[in-house]
Amino acid sequence: MLDKGKLDHLNHELKSINSRVLPSVKNPDDWINDGVDCQILKPSKNWQKGKLRMKVSLEFCPDEPKSPLDEFRGR
């Protein structure tokens, strides 16, 4: 559970992150390769130190050609 000290720390950290921009690091490749140092607060737990790594996934979805028979199949 969060005591007053931990809650104050959480509030301070949240106020210091006044932007939705990812924090800068010396080497931007670290976001993908090694990860960047961070702390995460799990519900009903303490802060846990670790690394945050970004993964990006792209998927191509080709357009399906419409068949003139689709109109009749829907009836």
C-alpha atoms as a PDB file:
ATOM      1  CA  MET A   1       0.000   0.000   0.000  1.00  0.00           C
ATOM      2  CA  LEU A   2       1.053   3.597  -0.455  1.00  0.00           C
ATOM      3  CA  ASP A   3       1.964   5.473   2.679  1.00  0.00           C
ATOM      4  CA  LYS A   4       2.121   9.274   2.716  1.00  0.00           C
ATOM      5  CA  GLY A   5       5.805   9.362   1.744  1.00  0.00           C
ATOM      6  CA  LYS A   6       5.320   7.073  -1.248  1.00  0.00           C
ATOM      7  CA  LEU A   7       2.178   8.925  -2.273  1.00  0.00           C
ATOM      8  CA  ASP A   8       4.060  12.240  -2.124  1.00  0.00           C
ATOM      9  CA  HIS A   9       6.831  10.700  -4.253  1.00  0.00           C
ATOM     10  CA  LEU A  10       4.257   9.471  -6.797  1.00  0.00           C
ATOM     11  CA  ASN A  11       2.585  12.891  -6.949  1.00  0.00           C
ATOM     12  CA  HIS A  12       5.969  14.583  -7.414  1.00  0.00           C
ATOM     13  CA  GLU A  13       6.907  12.209 -10.253  1.00  0.00           C
ATOM     14  CA  LEU A  14       3.548  12.647 -11.974  1.00  0.00           C
ATOM     15  CA  LYS A  15       3.786  16.446 -11.754  1.00  0.00           C
ATOM     16  CA  SER A  16       7.315  16.382 -13.205  1.00  0.00           C
ATOM     17  CA  ILE A  17       6.025  14.514 -16.281  1.00  0.00           C
ATOM     18  CA  ASN A  18       4.088  17.414 -17.720  1.00  0.00           C
ATOM     19  CA  SER A  19       4.364  16.126 -21.265  1.00  0.00           C
ATOM     20  CA  ARG A  20       3.264  13.149 -23.319  1.00  0.00           C
ATOM     21  CA  VAL A  21       6.664  13.140 -25.032  1.00  0.00           C
ATOM     22  CA  LEU A  22       9.020  10.286 -24.221  1.00  0.00           C
ATOM     23  CA  PRO A  23      11.971  11.399 -22.107  1.00  0.00           C
ATOM     24  CA  SER A  24      15.135  11.936 -24.092  1.00  0.00           C
ATOM     25  CA  VAL A  25      18.102   9.630 -23.689  1.00  0.00           C
ATOM     26  CA  LYS A  26      21.685   9.979 -24.881  1.00  0.00           C
ATOM     27  CA  ASN A  27      21.238   7.275 -27.509  1.00  0.00           C
ATOM     28  CA  PRO A  28      17.725   7.029 -29.039  1.00  0.00           C
ATOM     29  CA  ASP A  29      18.487   3.450 -30.151  1.00  0.00           C
ATOM     30  CA  ASP A  30      18.416   2.479 -26.462  1.00  0.00           C
ATOM     31  CA  TRP A  31      14.605   2.635 -26.567  1.00  0.00           C
ATOM     32  CA  ILE A  32      14.648  -0.306 -28.998  1.00  0.00           C
ATOM     33  CA  ASN A  33      17.847  -2.216 -28.215  1.00  0.00           C
ATOM     34  CA  ASP A  34      18.881  -2.175 -24.564  1.00  0.00           C
ATOM     35  CA  GLY A  35      15.925  -0.327 -23.062  1.00  0.00           C
ATOM     36  CA  VAL A  36      16.076   2.698 -20.774  1.00  0.00           C
ATOM     37  CA  ASP A  37      16.144   2.707 -16.993  1.00  0.00           C
ATOM     38  CA  CYS A  38      12.792   3.340 -15.377  1.00  0.00           C
ATOM     39  CA  GLN A  39      10.643   2.640 -12.347  1.00  0.00           C
ATOM     40  CA  ILE A  40       7.098   1.318 -12.426  1.00  0.00           C
ATOM     41  CA  LEU A  41       4.486   1.327  -9.700  1.00  0.00           C
ATOM     42  CA  LYS A  42       2.347  -1.788  -9.602  1.00  0.00           C
ATOM     43  CA  PRO A  43      -1.003  -1.682  -7.780  1.00  0.00           C
ATOM     44  CA  SER A  44      -0.588  -2.584  -4.090  1.00  0.00           C
ATOM     45  CA  LYS A  45       3.196  -2.919  -4.595  1.00  0.00           C
ATOM     46  CA  ASN A  46       6.292  -0.751  -4.258  1.00  0.00           C
ATOM     47  CA  TRP A  47       8.211   0.956  -7.038  1.00  0.00           C
ATOM     48  CA  GLN A  48      10.108  -1.596  -9.130  1.00  0.00           C
ATOM     49  CA  LYS A  49      13.244  -0.664 -11.060  1.00  0.00           C
ATOM     50  CA  GLY A  50      13.833  -2.074 -14.518  1.00  0.00           C
ATOM     51  CA  LYS A  51      14.215  -1.225 -18.175  1.00  0.00           C
ATOM     52  CA  LEU A  52      11.604  -0.004 -20.623  1.00  0.00           C
ATOM     53  CA  ARG A  53      12.051  -1.209 -24.181  1.00  0.00           C
ATOM     54  CA  MET A  54       9.937  -0.163 -27.166  1.00  0.00           C
ATOM     55  CA  LYS A  55       8.694  -2.659 -29.743  1.00  0.00           C
ATOM     56  CA  VAL A  56       7.047  -1.549 -32.971  1.00  0.00           C
ATOM     57  CA  SER A  57       4.888  -3.783 -35.125  1.00  0.00           C
ATOM     58  CA  LEU A  58       3.680  -2.973 -38.636  1.00  0.00           C
ATOM     59  CA  GLU A  59       1.145  -5.021 -40.560  1.00  0.00           C
ATOM     60  CA  PHE A  60       0.062  -4.675 -44.183  1.00  0.00           C
ATOM     61  CA  CYS A  61      -3.597  -5.442 -44.928  1.00  0.00           C
ATOM     62  CA  PRO A  62      -4.271  -5.510 -48.677  1.00  0.00           C
ATOM     63  CA  ASP A  63      -7.591  -4.214 -49.938  1.00  0.00           C
ATOM     64  CA  GLU A  64      -9.983  -6.968 -50.921  1.00  0.00           C
ATOM     65  CA  PRO A  65     -11.410  -6.442 -54.403  1.00  0.00           C
ATOM     66  CA  LYS A  66     -15.198  -6.254 -54.416  1.00  0.00           C
ATOM     67  CA  SER A  67     -17.000  -8.845 -56.447  1.00  0.00           C
ATOM     68  CA  PRO A  68     -20.135  -7.865 -58.368  1.00  0.00           C
ATOM     69  CA  LEU A  69     -21.758 -10.923 -56.752  1.00  0.00           C
ATOM     70  CA  ASP A  70     -21.248  -9.572 -53.174  1.00  0.00           C
ATOM     71  CA  GLU A  71     -24.429  -7.539 -53.505  1.00  0.00           C
ATOM     72  CA  PHE A  72     -26.478 -10.680 -54.228  1.00  0.00           C
ATOM     73  CA  ARG A  73     -24.763 -12.773 -51.515  1.00  0.00           C
ATOM     74  CA  GLY A  74     -25.813 -10.286 -48.842  1.00  0.00           C
ATOM     75  CA  ARG A  75     -29.522 -10.791 -49.582  1.00  0.00           C
END
